[in-house]
Structure formats: C-alpha cells, structure tokens
C-alpha atoms as a PDB file:
ATOM      1  CA  UNK A   1      59.881 -63.283   1.625  1.00  0.00           C
ATOM      2  CA  UNK A   2      56.407 -62.196   2.591  1.00  0.00           C
ATOM      3  CA  UNK A   3      55.994 -58.801   4.222  1.00  0.00           C
ATOM      4  CA  UNK A   4      54.248 -58.857   7.542  1.00  0.00           C
ATOM      5  CA  UNK A   5      50.971 -57.031   8.063  1.00  0.00           C
ATOM      6  CA  UNK A   6      52.560 -54.880  10.741  1.00  0.00           C
ATOM      7  CA  UNK A   7      54.834 -53.024   8.351  1.00  0.00           C
ATOM      8  CA  UNK A   8      51.892 -51.993   6.122  1.00  0.00           C
ATOM      9  CA  UNK A   9      50.061 -50.640   9.124  1.00  0.00           C
ATOM     10  CA  UNK A  10      53.126 -48.679  10.157  1.00  0.00           C
ATOM     11  CA  UNK A  11      53.419 -47.092   6.708  1.00  0.00           C
ATOM     12  CA  UNK A  12      49.730 -46.053   6.726  1.00  0.00           C
ATOM     13  CA  UNK A  13      50.088 -44.633  10.202  1.00  0.00           C
ATOM     14  CA  UNK A  14      53.090 -42.589   9.107  1.00  0.00           C
ATOM     15  CA  UNK A  15      51.079 -40.994   6.257  1.00  0.00           C
ATOM     16  CA  UNK A  16      48.159 -39.803   8.413  1.00  0.00           C
ATOM     17  CA  UNK A  17      48.901 -36.681  10.398  1.00  0.00           C
ATOM     18  CA  UNK A  18      48.718 -37.102  14.122  1.00  0.00           C
ATOM     19  CA  UNK A  19      45.973 -35.344  16.068  1.00  0.00           C
ATOM     20  CA  UNK A  20      48.430 -32.840  17.533  1.00  0.00           C
ATOM     21  CA  UNK A  21      49.846 -31.822  14.147  1.00  0.00           C
ATOM     22  CA  UNK A  22      46.565 -30.570  12.557  1.00  0.00           C
ATOM     23  CA  UNK A  23      46.686 -26.739  12.412  1.00  0.00           C
ATOM     24  CA  UNK A  24      42.905 -26.197  12.200  1.00  0.00           C
ATOM     25  CA  UNK A  25      41.787 -28.141  15.251  1.00  0.00           C
ATOM     26  CA  UNK A  26      39.010 -26.346  17.137  1.00  0.00           C
ATOM     27  CA  UNK A  27      38.234 -23.813  14.432  1.00  0.00           C
ATOM     28  CA  UNK A  28      34.918 -25.432  13.493  1.00  0.00           C
ATOM     29  CA  UNK A  29      33.583 -24.764  16.980  1.00  0.00           C
ATOM     30  CA  UNK A  30      34.875 -21.200  16.880  1.00  0.00           C
ATOM     31  CA  UNK A  31      33.290 -20.576  13.458  1.00  0.00           C
ATOM     32  CA  UNK A  32      29.993 -21.975  14.704  1.00  0.00           C
ATOM     33  CA  UNK A  33      30.131 -19.744  17.789  1.00  0.00           C
ATOM     34  CA  UNK A  34      30.713 -16.683  15.609  1.00  0.00           C
ATOM     35  CA  UNK A  35      28.193 -17.481  12.865  1.00  0.00           C
ATOM     36  CA  UNK A  36      25.322 -18.832  14.990  1.00  0.00           C
ATOM     37  CA  UNK A  37      24.141 -15.429  16.334  1.00  0.00           C
ATOM     38  CA  UNK A  38      24.314 -13.920  12.842  1.00  0.00           C
ATOM     39  CA  UNK A  39      22.281 -16.772  11.352  1.00  0.00           C
ATOM     40  CA  UNK A  40      19.723 -16.592  14.169  1.00  0.00           C
ATOM     41  CA  UNK A  41      19.368 -12.811  13.708  1.00  0.00           C
ATOM     42  CA  UNK A  42      18.832 -13.277   9.963  1.00  0.00           C
ATOM     43  CA  UNK A  43      16.201 -15.945  10.615  1.00  0.00           C
ATOM     44  CA  UNK A  44      14.352 -13.682  13.063  1.00  0.00           C
ATOM     45  CA  UNK A  45      14.488 -10.813  10.566  1.00  0.00           C
ATOM     46  CA  UNK A  46      12.903 -12.998   7.876  1.00  0.00           C
ATOM     47  CA  UNK A  47      10.180 -14.075  10.322  1.00  0.00           C
ATOM     48  CA  UNK A  48       9.547 -10.441  11.292  1.00  0.00           C
ATOM     49  CA  UNK A  49       9.264  -9.317   7.671  1.00  0.00           C
ATOM     50  CA  UNK A  50       6.878 -12.180   6.999  1.00  0.00           C
ATOM     51  CA  UNK A  51       4.656 -11.096   9.880  1.00  0.00           C
ATOM     52  CA  UNK A  52       4.597  -7.503   8.619  1.00  0.00           C
ATOM     53  CA  UNK A  53       3.671  -8.767   5.150  1.00  0.00           C
ATOM     54  CA  UNK A  54       0.857 -10.798   6.677  1.00  0.00           C
ATOM     55  CA  UNK A  55      -0.311  -7.660   8.484  1.00  0.00           C
ATOM     56  CA  UNK A  56      -0.415  -5.780   5.167  1.00  0.00           C
ATOM     57  CA  UNK A  57      -2.586  -8.495   3.652  1.00  0.00           C
ATOM     58  CA  UNK A  58      -4.913  -8.376   6.635  1.00  0.00           C
ATOM     59  CA  UNK A  59      -5.254  -4.590   6.330  1.00  0.00           C
ATOM     60  CA  UNK A  60      -6.150  -5.054   2.645  1.00  0.00           C
ATOM     61  CA  UNK A  61      -8.772  -7.630   3.636  1.00  0.00           C
ATOM     62  CA  UNK A  62     -10.198  -5.245   6.230  1.00  0.00           C
ATOM     63  CA  UNK A  63     -10.518  -2.481   3.634  1.00  0.00           C
ATOM     64  CA  UNK A  64     -12.250  -4.824   1.192  1.00  0.00           C
ATOM     65  CA  UNK A  65     -14.631  -6.105   3.874  1.00  0.00           C
ATOM     66  CA  UNK A  66     -15.466  -2.542   4.903  1.00  0.00           C
ATOM     67  CA  UNK A  67     -16.146  -1.447   1.323  1.00  0.00           C
ATOM     68  CA  UNK A  68     -18.271  -4.519   0.662  1.00  0.00           C
ATOM     69  CA  UNK A  69     -20.337  -3.982   3.822  1.00  0.00           C
ATOM     70  CA  UNK A  70     -20.771  -0.275   3.057  1.00  0.00           C
ATOM     71  CA  UNK A  71     -21.917  -1.011  -0.492  1.00  0.00           C
ATOM     72  CA  UNK A  72     -24.722  -3.247   0.777  1.00  0.00           C
ATOM     73  CA  UNK A  73     -26.419  -0.484   2.750  1.00  0.00           C
ATOM     74  CA  UNK A  74     -29.087   1.893   1.515  1.00  0.00           C
ATOM     75  CA  UNK A  75     -27.946   5.256   2.955  1.00  0.00           C
ATOM     76  CA  UNK A  76     -24.580   7.012   3.239  1.00  0.00           C
ATOM     77  CA  UNK A  77     -24.872   7.144   7.044  1.00  0.00           C
ATOM     78  CA  UNK A  78     -25.413   3.406   7.243  1.00  0.00           C
ATOM     79  CA  UNK A  79     -22.548   2.896   4.812  1.00  0.00           C
ATOM     80  CA  UNK A  80     -20.151   4.777   7.095  1.00  0.00           C
ATOM     81  CA  UNK A  81     -21.192   2.827  10.195  1.00  0.00           C
ATOM     82  CA  UNK A  82     -21.224  -0.590   8.502  1.00  0.00           C
ATOM     83  CA  UNK A  83     -17.935   0.017   6.695  1.00  0.00           C
ATOM     84  CA  UNK A  84     -16.121   1.057   9.862  1.00  0.00           C
ATOM     85  CA  UNK A  85     -17.572  -1.840  11.850  1.00  0.00           C
ATOM     86  CA  UNK A  86     -16.731  -4.467   9.205  1.00  0.00           C
ATOM     87  CA  UNK A  87     -13.134  -3.254   8.858  1.00  0.00           C
ATOM     88  CA  UNK A  88     -12.584  -3.201  12.629  1.00  0.00           C
ATOM     89  CA  UNK A  89     -14.169  -6.648  13.031  1.00  0.00           C
ATOM     90  CA  UNK A  90     -11.926  -8.120  10.335  1.00  0.00           C
ATOM     91  CA  UNK A  91      -8.809  -6.849  12.107  1.00  0.00           C
ATOM     92  CA  UNK A  92      -9.984  -8.156  15.496  1.00  0.00           C
ATOM     93  CA  UNK A  93     -10.784 -11.593  14.058  1.00  0.00           C
ATOM     94  CA  UNK A  94      -7.367 -11.764  12.404  1.00  0.00           C
ATOM     95  CA  UNK A  95      -5.618 -10.845  15.655  1.00  0.00           C
ATOM     96  CA  UNK A  96      -4.040  -7.612  14.416  1.00  0.00           C
ATOM     97  CA  UNK A  97      -3.719  -5.162  17.280  1.00  0.00           C
ATOM     98  CA  UNK A  98      -3.642  -1.561  16.141  1.00  0.00           C
ATOM     99  CA  UNK A  99      -2.416   1.106  18.528  1.00  0.00           C
ATOM    100  CA  UNK A 100      -4.149   3.654  16.328  1.00  0.00           C
ATOM    101  CA  UNK A 101      -6.875   2.531  13.949  1.00  0.00           C
ATOM    102  CA  UNK A 102      -8.461   4.847  11.431  1.00  0.00           C
ATOM    103  CA  UNK A 103     -11.235   3.784   9.070  1.00  0.00           C
ATOM    104  CA  UNK A 104     -12.512   6.414   6.646  1.00  0.00           C
ATOM    105  CA  UNK A 105     -15.539   5.704   4.482  1.00  0.00           C
ATOM    106  CA  UNK A 106     -15.971   7.946   1.438  1.00  0.00           C
ATOM    107  CA  UNK A 107     -19.608   8.115   0.358  1.00  0.00           C
ATOM    108  CA  UNK A 108     -19.282  11.097  -1.987  1.00  0.00           C
ATOM    109  CA  UNK A 109     -20.223   8.883  -4.960  1.00  0.00           C
ATOM    110  CA  UNK A 110     -22.947   6.992  -3.067  1.00  0.00           C
ATOM    111  CA  UNK A 111     -25.758   6.447  -5.533  1.00  0.00           C
ATOM    112  CA  UNK A 112     -26.837   4.079  -8.285  1.00  0.00           C
ATOM    113  CA  UNK A 113     -23.783   3.280 -10.411  1.00  0.00           C
ATOM    114  CA  UNK A 114     -21.474   4.968  -7.899  1.00  0.00           C
ATOM    115  CA  UNK A 115     -19.067   3.470  -5.415  1.00  0.00           C
ATOM    116  CA  UNK A 116     -18.056   3.435  -1.777  1.00  0.00           C
ATOM    117  CA  UNK A 117     -14.387   3.752  -0.848  1.00  0.00           C
ATOM    118  CA  UNK A 118     -12.913   2.637   2.480  1.00  0.00           C
ATOM    119  CA  UNK A 119      -9.430   3.574   3.675  1.00  0.00           C
ATOM    120  CA  UNK A 120      -7.919   1.721   6.628  1.00  0.00           C
ATOM    121  CA  UNK A 121      -4.878   2.994   8.524  1.00  0.00           C
ATOM    122  CA  UNK A 122      -3.345   0.921  11.319  1.00  0.00           C
ATOM    123  CA  UNK A 123      -0.296   1.843  13.392  1.00  0.00           C
ATOM    124  CA  UNK A 124       1.044  -1.172  15.222  1.00  0.00           C
ATOM    125  CA  UNK A 125       4.024  -1.923  17.443  1.00  0.00           C
ATOM    126  CA  UNK A 126       6.574  -4.132  15.725  1.00  0.00           C
ATOM    127  CA  UNK A 127       6.985  -6.046  18.978  1.00  0.00           C
ATOM    128  CA  UNK A 128       3.317  -7.044  18.825  1.00  0.00           C
ATOM    129  CA  UNK A 129       3.224  -7.672  15.088  1.00  0.00           C
ATOM    130  CA  UNK A 130       6.591  -9.212  14.305  1.00  0.00           C
ATOM    131  CA  UNK A 131       8.857 -10.335  17.133  1.00  0.00           C
ATOM    132  CA  UNK A 132       8.678  -9.576  20.835  1.00  0.00           C
ATOM    133  CA  UNK A 133      11.257  -6.967  21.753  1.00  0.00           C
ATOM    134  CA  UNK A 134      11.602  -5.512  18.254  1.00  0.00           C
ATOM    135  CA  UNK A 135      11.632  -1.711  18.621  1.00  0.00           C
ATOM    136  CA  UNK A 136       9.590   0.710  16.563  1.00  0.00           C
ATOM    137  CA  UNK A 137       6.211   0.754  14.925  1.00  0.00           C
ATOM    138  CA  UNK A 138       4.816   0.358  11.439  1.00  0.00           C
ATOM    139  CA  UNK A 139       1.863   2.100   9.797  1.00  0.00           C
ATOM    140  CA  UNK A 140      -0.068  -0.048   7.367  1.00  0.00           C
ATOM    141  CA  UNK A 141      -2.635   1.479   5.010  1.00  0.00           C
ATOM    142  CA  UNK A 142      -5.068   0.111   2.473  1.00  0.00           C
ATOM    143  CA  UNK A 143      -7.811   1.569   0.313  1.00  0.00           C
ATOM    144  CA  UNK A 144     -10.582  -0.434  -1.269  1.00  0.00           C
ATOM    145  CA  UNK A 145     -13.482   0.563  -3.483  1.00  0.00           C
ATOM    146  CA  UNK A 146     -16.732  -1.304  -4.012  1.00  0.00           C
ATOM    147  CA  UNK A 147     -19.220  -0.411  -6.747  1.00  0.00           C
ATOM    148  CA  UNK A 148     -22.918   0.183  -6.184  1.00  0.00           C
ATOM    149  CA  UNK A 149     -25.434  -1.404  -8.509  1.00  0.00           C
ATOM    150  CA  UNK A 150     -26.755   0.849 -11.264  1.00  0.00           C
ATOM    151  CA  UNK A 151     -30.392  -0.269 -10.963  1.00  0.00           C
ATOM    152  CA  UNK A 152     -30.455  -0.288  -7.193  1.00  0.00           C
ATOM    153  CA  UNK A 153     -33.135   1.577  -5.273  1.00  0.00           C
ATOM    154  CA  UNK A 154     -31.558   3.681  -2.530  1.00  0.00           C
ATOM    155  CA  UNK A 155     -33.226   5.691   0.164  1.00  0.00           C
ATOM    156  CA  UNK A 156     -33.193   9.417  -0.581  1.00  0.00           C
ATOM    157  CA  UNK A 157     -30.683  11.434   1.382  1.00  0.00           C
ATOM    158  CA  UNK A 158     -32.340  13.731   3.896  1.00  0.00           C
ATOM    159  CA  UNK A 159     -30.615  17.063   4.480  1.00  0.00           C
END
C-alpha cells in the first residue's frame, strides 16, 4: 500500500508548534522598544565626542597658525597683533564658536634664534559644538611655538 501525501503533511504539521503555543511571541518588539533609545543615546554620545575631538584639533590648528603668523613679523608688537588675528581667523573659518576666546602671544624670546609662543583658550557650549540640547560647556586649550630664524634681521625694540 502506498501512503497518501495527506498523512505526511499531517505529521509535519503536528511537529511544528502552532502560533498560539510559542511562549516568546511579541518579545522581539518589546526588546526593540527597550533597546532603541539606549542605542540612539550611545550613537549621539559618540557623535558628540567626535565633535569635541574635532574642536580640539581646530584649536591646535589655530594655535599653530597664530604662532606661524607671529613668527613672520619683525617686532614683538606686530607679533602679538598678527598672532591673535590669525588664531581668531582660523577658528572663524572652521566654524568654531567660542563663548570666551583668549589668545595669548608670548614674545619674551622674540629675537634671532628665539621663538614666539601662542596659547589659545576657547570655552564653548556643548550644544553648539556637539549636539543641540547637550548641557554644559567645554574649555579647549592649545599652545604652539614657532621658531625665529637665527640670521634674521629684526627691527630694534623701542622702549
């Protein structure tokens, strides 16, 4: 006797649990609803930290640009003005908004073979730098030094 195809189908159907008998129905949606906000918060945190890191690099660039511009001048007074202007311009061009910006140019070693040192300090809102609505502020600082040529002719400093 040959078994009919219907009996095989009945045996397979008996082995698979019915939809109503599965104990974990609906839990995938519940797990997704619980984990989604946590994953989104972690993603936003990573983005925020990346933006702060980018801000640090920009502050370093501003300090280097200020020191380079100050080293190309011929008097300490010009070095201070050019260094401050170059650092501020670099931050503006990069789109970094500082609530408080401080650029200090040290010309105490200004002379042939000396150096010029520029320190940049920027206090910025985290909501403007990282993610809108993020509370708090961050202070980023950088110091850069640029050497002066040893055989360079500089204008004498007038008292």
